[in-house]
Protein backbone atom coordinates (compact mmCIF):
# COMPACT_ATOMS: atom_id res chain seq x y z
CA MET A 1 -75.58 178.39 155.70
CA ARG A 2 -79.15 179.22 156.52
CA GLY A 3 -82.08 179.77 154.26
CA VAL A 4 -85.73 180.69 154.43
CA VAL A 5 -87.56 179.12 151.51
CA GLN A 6 -90.84 180.65 150.43
CA ARG A 7 -92.98 179.23 147.65
CA VAL A 8 -94.24 182.26 145.76
CA SER A 9 -96.58 183.07 142.91
CA ARG A 10 -94.39 186.14 142.34
CA ALA A 11 -91.64 188.09 144.11
CA ARG A 12 -89.37 191.04 143.49
CA VAL A 13 -86.61 193.05 145.09
CA GLU A 14 -86.24 196.79 144.80
CA THR A 15 -83.32 198.96 145.79
CA GLY A 16 -82.36 202.49 144.88
CA GLY A 17 -85.84 203.17 143.53
CA GLY A 18 -85.78 200.36 140.96
CA THR A 19 -86.43 196.66 140.62
CA VAL A 20 -83.20 194.62 140.65
CA GLY A 21 -84.70 191.12 140.66
CA GLU A 22 -88.13 189.75 139.84
CA ILE A 23 -89.65 186.30 139.34
CA GLY A 24 -92.98 184.68 138.64
CA ALA A 25 -93.99 181.38 140.24
CA GLY A 26 -91.12 179.72 142.06
CA ILE A 27 -89.01 180.09 145.18
CA LEU A 28 -87.75 183.11 147.06
CA LEU A 29 -84.71 182.13 149.11
CA LEU A 30 -83.42 184.42 151.85
CA ALA A 31 -79.81 183.27 152.27
CA GLY A 32 -77.48 183.86 155.22
CA PHE A 33 -73.86 182.87 155.68
CA THR A 34 -71.61 182.17 158.65
CA ALA A 35 -67.80 182.17 158.72
CA GLY A 36 -67.66 178.36 158.81
CA ASP A 37 -69.59 177.90 155.58
CA THR A 38 -67.89 176.23 152.63
CA GLY A 39 -68.71 175.46 149.04
CA SER A 40 -70.20 172.19 150.27
CA ASP A 41 -72.74 174.10 152.39
CA MET A 42 -73.71 176.20 149.39
CA GLU A 43 -74.00 173.15 147.13
CA TRP A 44 -76.15 171.40 149.74
CA MET A 45 -78.43 174.43 150.08
CA LEU A 46 -78.85 174.94 146.35
CA ASP A 47 -79.53 171.25 145.73
CA LYS A 48 -82.03 171.12 148.59
CA VAL A 49 -83.88 174.26 147.49
CA VAL A 50 -84.34 173.36 143.83
CA ASN A 51 -85.27 169.75 144.60
CA LEU A 52 -87.68 170.30 147.53
CA ARG A 53 -91.02 168.82 146.57
CA ILE A 54 -93.17 171.79 147.61
CA PHE A 55 -95.19 172.40 144.45
CA GLU A 56 -98.53 170.71 143.84
CA ASP A 57 -99.01 167.96 141.28
CA SER A 58 -102.24 167.33 139.35
CA SER A 59 -103.73 165.69 142.47
CA GLY A 60 -103.07 168.76 144.62
CA ARG A 61 -100.26 167.07 146.60
CA MET A 62 -96.92 168.75 147.22
CA ASN A 63 -94.98 166.35 145.06
CA LEU A 64 -93.07 168.50 142.54
CA SER A 65 -89.84 170.46 142.81
CA LEU A 66 -88.72 173.73 141.25
CA MET A 67 -86.79 171.65 138.72
CA ASP A 68 -89.95 169.68 137.88
CA THR A 69 -92.11 172.77 137.40
CA GLY A 70 -89.59 174.97 135.62
CA GLY A 71 -90.25 177.65 138.24
CA GLU A 72 -88.00 180.61 138.94
CA LEU A 73 -85.58 181.37 141.78
CA LEU A 74 -84.98 184.67 143.55
CA LEU A 75 -81.95 184.77 145.87
CA VAL A 76 -81.77 187.50 148.49
CA PRO A 77 -78.80 187.93 150.88
CA GLN A 78 -80.02 188.10 154.49
CA PHE A 79 -77.38 188.35 157.24
CA THR A 80 -80.10 188.72 159.88
CA LEU A 81 -80.80 184.97 159.59
CA TYR A 82 -77.85 184.61 161.96
CA GLY A 83 -79.33 187.01 164.50
CA ASP A 84 -79.22 185.55 168.01
CA CYS A 85 -82.16 186.81 170.10
CA ARG A 86 -81.78 184.55 173.12
CA ARG A 87 -80.44 187.28 175.41
CA GLY A 88 -81.52 190.86 175.78
CA ARG A 89 -83.66 192.78 173.35
CA ARG A 90 -81.11 193.54 170.64
CA PRO A 91 -80.10 190.69 168.34
CA SER A 92 -76.44 189.74 168.19
CA PHE A 93 -75.07 189.07 164.73
CA SER A 94 -71.71 187.69 165.84
CA ASP A 95 -72.41 184.36 164.10
CA ALA A 96 -73.00 186.02 160.72
CA ALA A 97 -70.06 185.98 158.31
CA PRO A 98 -68.19 189.32 158.16
CA PRO A 99 -69.44 191.46 155.25
CA ASP A 100 -66.45 190.97 152.95
CA MET A 101 -66.55 187.19 153.43
CA ALA A 102 -70.34 187.00 153.08
CA ALA A 103 -70.18 189.06 149.88
CA ARG A 104 -67.76 186.55 148.35
CA MET A 105 -69.95 183.67 149.50
CA PHE A 106 -73.10 185.21 148.07
CA THR A 107 -71.34 185.81 144.75
CA GLU A 108 -70.15 182.19 144.71
CA PHE A 109 -73.68 181.01 145.55
CA LEU A 110 -75.12 183.12 142.70
CA ASN A 111 -72.54 181.69 140.29
CA MET A 112 -73.53 178.16 141.32
CA ALA A 113 -77.21 178.97 140.84
CA GLY A 114 -76.44 180.48 137.43
CA GLY A 115 -75.65 176.98 136.19
CA LEU A 116 -79.21 175.80 136.83
CA PRO A 117 -81.72 175.34 134.00
CA VAL A 118 -84.13 177.81 135.67
CA LYS A 119 -84.39 181.59 135.68
CA VAL A 120 -82.34 182.99 138.59
CA GLU A 121 -82.61 186.56 139.86
CA SER A 122 -81.10 188.17 142.96
CA GLY A 123 -81.09 190.99 145.40
CA VAL A 124 -78.02 193.15 146.04
CA PHE A 125 -75.59 192.37 148.81
CA GLN A 126 -75.46 195.02 151.59
CA ALA A 127 -78.15 197.13 149.95
CA ASP A 128 -81.25 198.46 151.63
CA MET A 129 -83.78 196.30 149.81
CA ALA A 130 -87.56 196.13 149.70
CA VAL A 131 -88.67 192.55 149.14
CA GLU A 132 -92.20 192.04 147.89
CA LEU A 133 -93.71 188.58 147.59
CA VAL A 134 -96.92 186.64 147.37
CA ASN A 135 -96.32 183.52 149.44
CA GLN A 136 -98.32 180.73 147.84
CA GLY A 137 -99.89 178.25 150.24
CA PRO A 138 -98.38 179.73 152.33
CA VAL A 139 -95.32 177.50 152.22
CA THR A 140 -92.31 178.67 154.23
CA LEU A 141 -89.45 176.40 155.32
CA LEU A 142 -86.28 176.94 157.35
CA LEU A 143 -83.08 175.27 156.19
CA ASP A 144 -79.66 175.07 157.81
CA SER A 145 -76.78 173.21 156.21
CA LYS A 146 -75.35 172.33 159.61
CA LYS A 147 -78.36 171.36 161.74
CA ASN A 148 -81.95 170.25 161.70
CA PHE A 149 -84.80 172.34 163.03
């Protein structure tokens, strides 16, 4: 599982002319799945995201997590995180989980996140979405449950 973590002062997702998910200060996570992902990958990702110390403490140091601050979480499915651009000019998405599998995984991931003591919102799987955010810092991190960057 791959994720792009963005610390935001606010973020929202629109589709079909309306807002489907919106948060204040917190984390926007773009989440991508591959066929080899398991519940363990999703648990790892969720634990990592909500416990990353990327929010500033009273001394201005990034020392607090989403759980510490009571921030909010916006989850957006993003199959293009598995785009391979090493050859040619058109990305290959052969490493991305097939749509039916990825939809189940995203639903499972949302259900896991729903058990957190923070507000959780989401985008819509396989929808044409407009994601609007104010990246605070900016802080943007890449996560992969299977490898280090």
